[in-house]
Structures are given as C-alpha cells and as structure tokens.
Amino acid sequence: MRVVLDANVLIAAFATRGLCHDVLETALARHEAVTSEPILEEVCGKLRGKIRVPAPIVGEIRSFLLENLEQVEPLPVEPSACRDPGDLAVLGTAAAAHADAIVTGDKDLLVLGSFGTCRIVTPRQFWEAARRG
C-alpha cells in the first residue's frame, strides 16, 4: 500500500514514542511511505519552532525521511477540495503518489473521508488495519 503520512503524524513520531512512532515504523516496514517537500518543510519547521528540537537533530530527521520515504512533487489541487488551504499540498502529494491512504490527525482532512480513491484515516485506524493484516 502507498501511504502519505501527514506532517502531524511525522512530528508526533519523532517527538515521542507512541502510536505515531509505531505508525511510521509500520509504514516503513510494510508499505511504501511517500512524502513531499511541503510536508518535510512543515515537519522541520514545527520540530524547530514548537518543539524546539536543535537544528542538527532536525537535519538528521530530514535526512532520515529523505532516505526512507519516496519523495514526489505534489500535483495541483482545486482549492475547493478541502476547507483548509494548508492541506492542499497533502492532497496533492497523495494524488502525485497514487496513494492508497493518507494518515493524519488533521480534522479538516479526516472530514473528507477520502480524496479520489485515496482513503483518509487516523493513525489509530491505520495501525489497527495493519495489525489485522
């Protein structure tokens, strides 16, 4: 399965050992995880700003993500596709990647349920589905 992990999931995966960390490990081990530059920029910016992770560690995280996730250029998405314009890059990433799922905690994305043939699920939904096999 091709999976786009939203920035909030990636940030949580590196900020603390918990569900999102397990989701990232599962996505890397069993699926094709995909990202884009806008998602990486958001991850790095929030790790530096909100969480105050030192710049060298943020650089290591960025390098890890670039080495382990496929990177695509987001396709343009109609602004009417979602209520938060900041989420258009996530949808564009999923479209460019031909993703099967977006994993996110973002309510503005979750309310959509899907984008084309791509399901939009919570980290818990993804993790439970992965456990069931």
C-alpha atoms as a PDB file:
ATOM      1  CA  MET A   1       0.000   0.000   0.000  1.00  0.00           C
ATOM      2  CA  ARG A   2       1.239   3.511  -0.827  1.00  0.00           C
ATOM      3  CA  VAL A   3       0.823   5.779   2.197  1.00  0.00           C
ATOM      4  CA  VAL A   4       1.241   9.516   2.759  1.00  0.00           C
ATOM      5  CA  LEU A   5       1.969  10.342   6.399  1.00  0.00           C
ATOM      6  CA  ASP A   6       0.820  13.885   7.155  1.00  0.00           C
ATOM      7  CA  ALA A   7       3.207  16.265   8.917  1.00  0.00           C
ATOM      8  CA  ASN A   8       1.352  15.959  12.236  1.00  0.00           C
ATOM      9  CA  VAL A   9       1.925  12.194  12.255  1.00  0.00           C
ATOM     10  CA  LEU A  10       5.613  12.538  11.402  1.00  0.00           C
ATOM     11  CA  ILE A  11       6.122  15.256  14.026  1.00  0.00           C
ATOM     12  CA  ALA A  12       4.487  13.101  16.697  1.00  0.00           C
ATOM     13  CA  ALA A  13       6.541  10.086  15.574  1.00  0.00           C
ATOM     14  CA  PHE A  14       9.781  11.920  16.327  1.00  0.00           C
ATOM     15  CA  ALA A  15       8.573  13.930  19.325  1.00  0.00           C
ATOM     16  CA  THR A  16       7.541  10.965  21.459  1.00  0.00           C
ATOM     17  CA  ARG A  17       7.498   7.174  21.481  1.00  0.00           C
ATOM     18  CA  GLY A  18       3.865   6.271  20.934  1.00  0.00           C
ATOM     19  CA  LEU A  19       1.236   5.421  18.359  1.00  0.00           C
ATOM     20  CA  CYS A  20       2.583   7.698  15.615  1.00  0.00           C
ATOM     21  CA  HIS A  21       6.077   6.262  16.068  1.00  0.00           C
ATOM     22  CA  ASP A  22       4.568   2.783  15.617  1.00  0.00           C
ATOM     23  CA  VAL A  23       2.653   4.008  12.554  1.00  0.00           C
ATOM     24  CA  LEU A  24       5.872   5.323  10.995  1.00  0.00           C
ATOM     25  CA  GLU A  25       7.704   2.057  11.719  1.00  0.00           C
ATOM     26  CA  THR A  26       4.837   0.037  10.229  1.00  0.00           C
ATOM     27  CA  ALA A  27       4.629   2.251   7.144  1.00  0.00           C
ATOM     28  CA  LEU A  28       8.372   1.903   6.561  1.00  0.00           C
ATOM     29  CA  ALA A  29       8.458  -1.851   7.169  1.00  0.00           C
ATOM     30  CA  ARG A  30       5.340  -2.990   5.331  1.00  0.00           C
ATOM     31  CA  HIS A  31       4.245  -0.250   2.957  1.00  0.00           C
ATOM     32  CA  GLU A  32       5.557   2.380   0.562  1.00  0.00           C
ATOM     33  CA  ALA A  33       5.673   5.630   2.533  1.00  0.00           C
ATOM     34  CA  VAL A  34       5.608   8.809   0.446  1.00  0.00           C
ATOM     35  CA  THR A  35       6.270  12.461   1.251  1.00  0.00           C
ATOM     36  CA  SER A  36       6.856  15.798  -0.471  1.00  0.00           C
ATOM     37  CA  GLU A  37       8.859  18.943   0.138  1.00  0.00           C
ATOM     38  CA  PRO A  38       5.881  20.881   1.604  1.00  0.00           C
ATOM     39  CA  ILE A  39       5.299  18.104   4.162  1.00  0.00           C
ATOM     40  CA  LEU A  40       9.014  17.955   5.014  1.00  0.00           C
ATOM     41  CA  GLU A  41       9.140  21.748   5.410  1.00  0.00           C
ATOM     42  CA  GLU A  42       6.210  21.666   7.827  1.00  0.00           C
ATOM     43  CA  VAL A  43       7.746  18.818   9.832  1.00  0.00           C
ATOM     44  CA  CYS A  44      11.123  20.527  10.140  1.00  0.00           C
ATOM     45  CA  GLY A  45       9.631  23.943  10.859  1.00  0.00           C
ATOM     46  CA  LYS A  46       7.424  22.676  13.668  1.00  0.00           C
ATOM     47  CA  LEU A  47      10.136  20.489  15.176  1.00  0.00           C
ATOM     48  CA  ARG A  48      12.421  23.548  15.322  1.00  0.00           C
ATOM     49  CA  GLY A  49       9.750  26.054  16.357  1.00  0.00           C
ATOM     50  CA  LYS A  50       7.095  24.461  18.548  1.00  0.00           C
ATOM     51  CA  ILE A  51       9.050  21.526  19.925  1.00  0.00           C
ATOM     52  CA  ARG A  52      12.442  23.289  19.997  1.00  0.00           C
ATOM     53  CA  VAL A  53      14.424  20.389  18.576  1.00  0.00           C
ATOM     54  CA  PRO A  54      18.011  21.541  17.901  1.00  0.00           C
ATOM     55  CA  ALA A  55      18.778  22.270  14.234  1.00  0.00           C
ATOM     56  CA  PRO A  56      21.367  19.451  13.853  1.00  0.00           C
ATOM     57  CA  ILE A  57      18.825  16.872  15.046  1.00  0.00           C
ATOM     58  CA  VAL A  58      16.142  18.301  12.743  1.00  0.00           C
ATOM     59  CA  GLY A  59      18.671  17.918   9.918  1.00  0.00           C
ATOM     60  CA  GLU A  60      19.187  14.270  10.851  1.00  0.00           C
ATOM     61  CA  ILE A  61      15.419  13.696  10.903  1.00  0.00           C
ATOM     62  CA  ARG A  62      15.061  15.326   7.480  1.00  0.00           C
ATOM     63  CA  SER A  63      17.884  13.148   6.110  1.00  0.00           C
ATOM     64  CA  PHE A  64      16.262  10.033   7.580  1.00  0.00           C
ATOM     65  CA  LEU A  65      12.930  10.891   5.949  1.00  0.00           C
ATOM     66  CA  LEU A  66      14.562  11.619   2.582  1.00  0.00           C
ATOM     67  CA  GLU A  67      16.419   8.303   2.711  1.00  0.00           C
ATOM     68  CA  ASN A  68      13.417   6.214   3.752  1.00  0.00           C
ATOM     69  CA  LEU A  69      10.362   7.819   2.164  1.00  0.00           C
ATOM     70  CA  GLU A  70       9.743   8.250  -1.535  1.00  0.00           C
ATOM     71  CA  GLN A  71       9.541  11.932  -2.403  1.00  0.00           C
ATOM     72  CA  VAL A  72       7.093  13.261  -5.009  1.00  0.00           C
ATOM     73  CA  GLU A  73       6.170  16.699  -6.317  1.00  0.00           C
ATOM     74  CA  PRO A  74       2.573  17.469  -5.244  1.00  0.00           C
ATOM     75  CA  LEU A  75       0.062  17.868  -8.042  1.00  0.00           C
ATOM     76  CA  PRO A  76      -2.107  20.990  -8.097  1.00  0.00           C
ATOM     77  CA  VAL A  77      -5.417  20.522  -6.286  1.00  0.00           C
ATOM     78  CA  GLU A  78      -8.541  22.651  -6.627  1.00  0.00           C
ATOM     79  CA  PRO A  79      -8.881  24.925  -3.573  1.00  0.00           C
ATOM     80  CA  SER A  80     -12.469  23.738  -3.146  1.00  0.00           C
ATOM     81  CA  ALA A  81     -11.194  20.197  -2.407  1.00  0.00           C
ATOM     82  CA  CYS A  82     -10.807  20.964   1.307  1.00  0.00           C
ATOM     83  CA  ARG A  83     -11.664  23.658   3.809  1.00  0.00           C
ATOM     84  CA  ASP A  84      -8.055  24.388   4.863  1.00  0.00           C
ATOM     85  CA  PRO A  85      -5.830  25.652   2.028  1.00  0.00           C
ATOM     86  CA  GLY A  86      -2.824  24.471   4.040  1.00  0.00           C
ATOM     87  CA  ASP A  87      -3.917  20.885   3.400  1.00  0.00           C
ATOM     88  CA  LEU A  88      -3.864  21.144  -0.392  1.00  0.00           C
ATOM     89  CA  ALA A  89      -0.214  20.027  -0.516  1.00  0.00           C
ATOM     90  CA  VAL A  90      -1.069  16.837   1.383  1.00  0.00           C
ATOM     91  CA  LEU A  91      -3.852  16.037  -1.078  1.00  0.00           C
ATOM     92  CA  GLY A  92      -1.555  16.927  -3.982  1.00  0.00           C
ATOM     93  CA  THR A  93       1.125  14.633  -2.571  1.00  0.00           C
ATOM     94  CA  ALA A  94      -1.373  11.779  -2.353  1.00  0.00           C
ATOM     95  CA  ALA A  95      -2.534  12.408  -5.922  1.00  0.00           C
ATOM     96  CA  ALA A  96       1.033  12.517  -7.276  1.00  0.00           C
ATOM     97  CA  ALA A  97       1.948   9.350  -5.367  1.00  0.00           C
ATOM     98  CA  HIS A  98      -1.199   7.470  -6.395  1.00  0.00           C
ATOM     99  CA  ALA A  99      -1.508   6.830  -2.661  1.00  0.00           C
ATOM    100  CA  ASP A 100      -3.951   4.367  -1.189  1.00  0.00           C
ATOM    101  CA  ALA A 101      -4.146   6.220   2.130  1.00  0.00           C
ATOM    102  CA  ILE A 102      -3.350   9.470   3.891  1.00  0.00           C
ATOM    103  CA  VAL A 103      -2.666   9.004   7.606  1.00  0.00           C
ATOM    104  CA  THR A 104      -3.444  12.170   9.544  1.00  0.00           C
ATOM    105  CA  GLY A 105      -4.794  13.631  12.738  1.00  0.00           C
ATOM    106  CA  ASP A 106      -5.996  16.744  10.883  1.00  0.00           C
ATOM    107  CA  LYS A 107      -9.762  17.103  11.256  1.00  0.00           C
ATOM    108  CA  ASP A 108     -10.007  19.183   8.081  1.00  0.00           C
ATOM    109  CA  LEU A 109      -8.648  16.209   6.132  1.00  0.00           C
ATOM    110  CA  LEU A 110     -10.364  13.467   8.136  1.00  0.00           C
ATOM    111  CA  VAL A 111     -13.787  15.001   7.500  1.00  0.00           C
ATOM    112  CA  LEU A 112     -13.259  14.294   3.787  1.00  0.00           C
ATOM    113  CA  GLY A 113     -13.008  10.532   4.370  1.00  0.00           C
ATOM    114  CA  SER A 114     -11.331  10.101   1.009  1.00  0.00           C
ATOM    115  CA  PHE A 115      -9.780  12.001  -1.863  1.00  0.00           C
ATOM    116  CA  GLY A 116     -10.475  10.228  -5.121  1.00  0.00           C
ATOM    117  CA  THR A 117      -9.584   6.599  -4.435  1.00  0.00           C
ATOM    118  CA  CYS A 118      -7.289   7.508  -1.521  1.00  0.00           C
ATOM    119  CA  ARG A 119      -8.694   6.843   1.960  1.00  0.00           C
ATOM    120  CA  ILE A 120      -8.025   9.389   4.701  1.00  0.00           C
ATOM    121  CA  VAL A 121      -7.578   7.677   8.062  1.00  0.00           C
ATOM    122  CA  THR A 122      -6.393   8.390  11.587  1.00  0.00           C
ATOM    123  CA  PRO A 123      -3.140   6.924  12.884  1.00  0.00           C
ATOM    124  CA  ARG A 124      -5.192   4.544  15.063  1.00  0.00           C
ATOM    125  CA  GLN A 125      -7.261   3.327  12.087  1.00  0.00           C
ATOM    126  CA  PHE A 126      -4.108   2.738  10.036  1.00  0.00           C
ATOM    127  CA  TRP A 127      -2.318   0.935  12.851  1.00  0.00           C
ATOM    128  CA  GLU A 128      -5.309  -1.303  13.666  1.00  0.00           C
ATOM    129  CA  ALA A 129      -5.775  -2.208   9.993  1.00  0.00           C
ATOM    130  CA  ALA A 130      -2.055  -3.021   9.733  1.00  0.00           C
ATOM    131  CA  ARG A 131      -2.262  -5.244  12.821  1.00  0.00           C
ATOM    132  CA  ARG A 132      -5.189  -7.168  11.326  1.00  0.00           C
ATOM    133  CA  GLY A 133      -3.048  -7.759   8.280  1.00  0.00           C
END
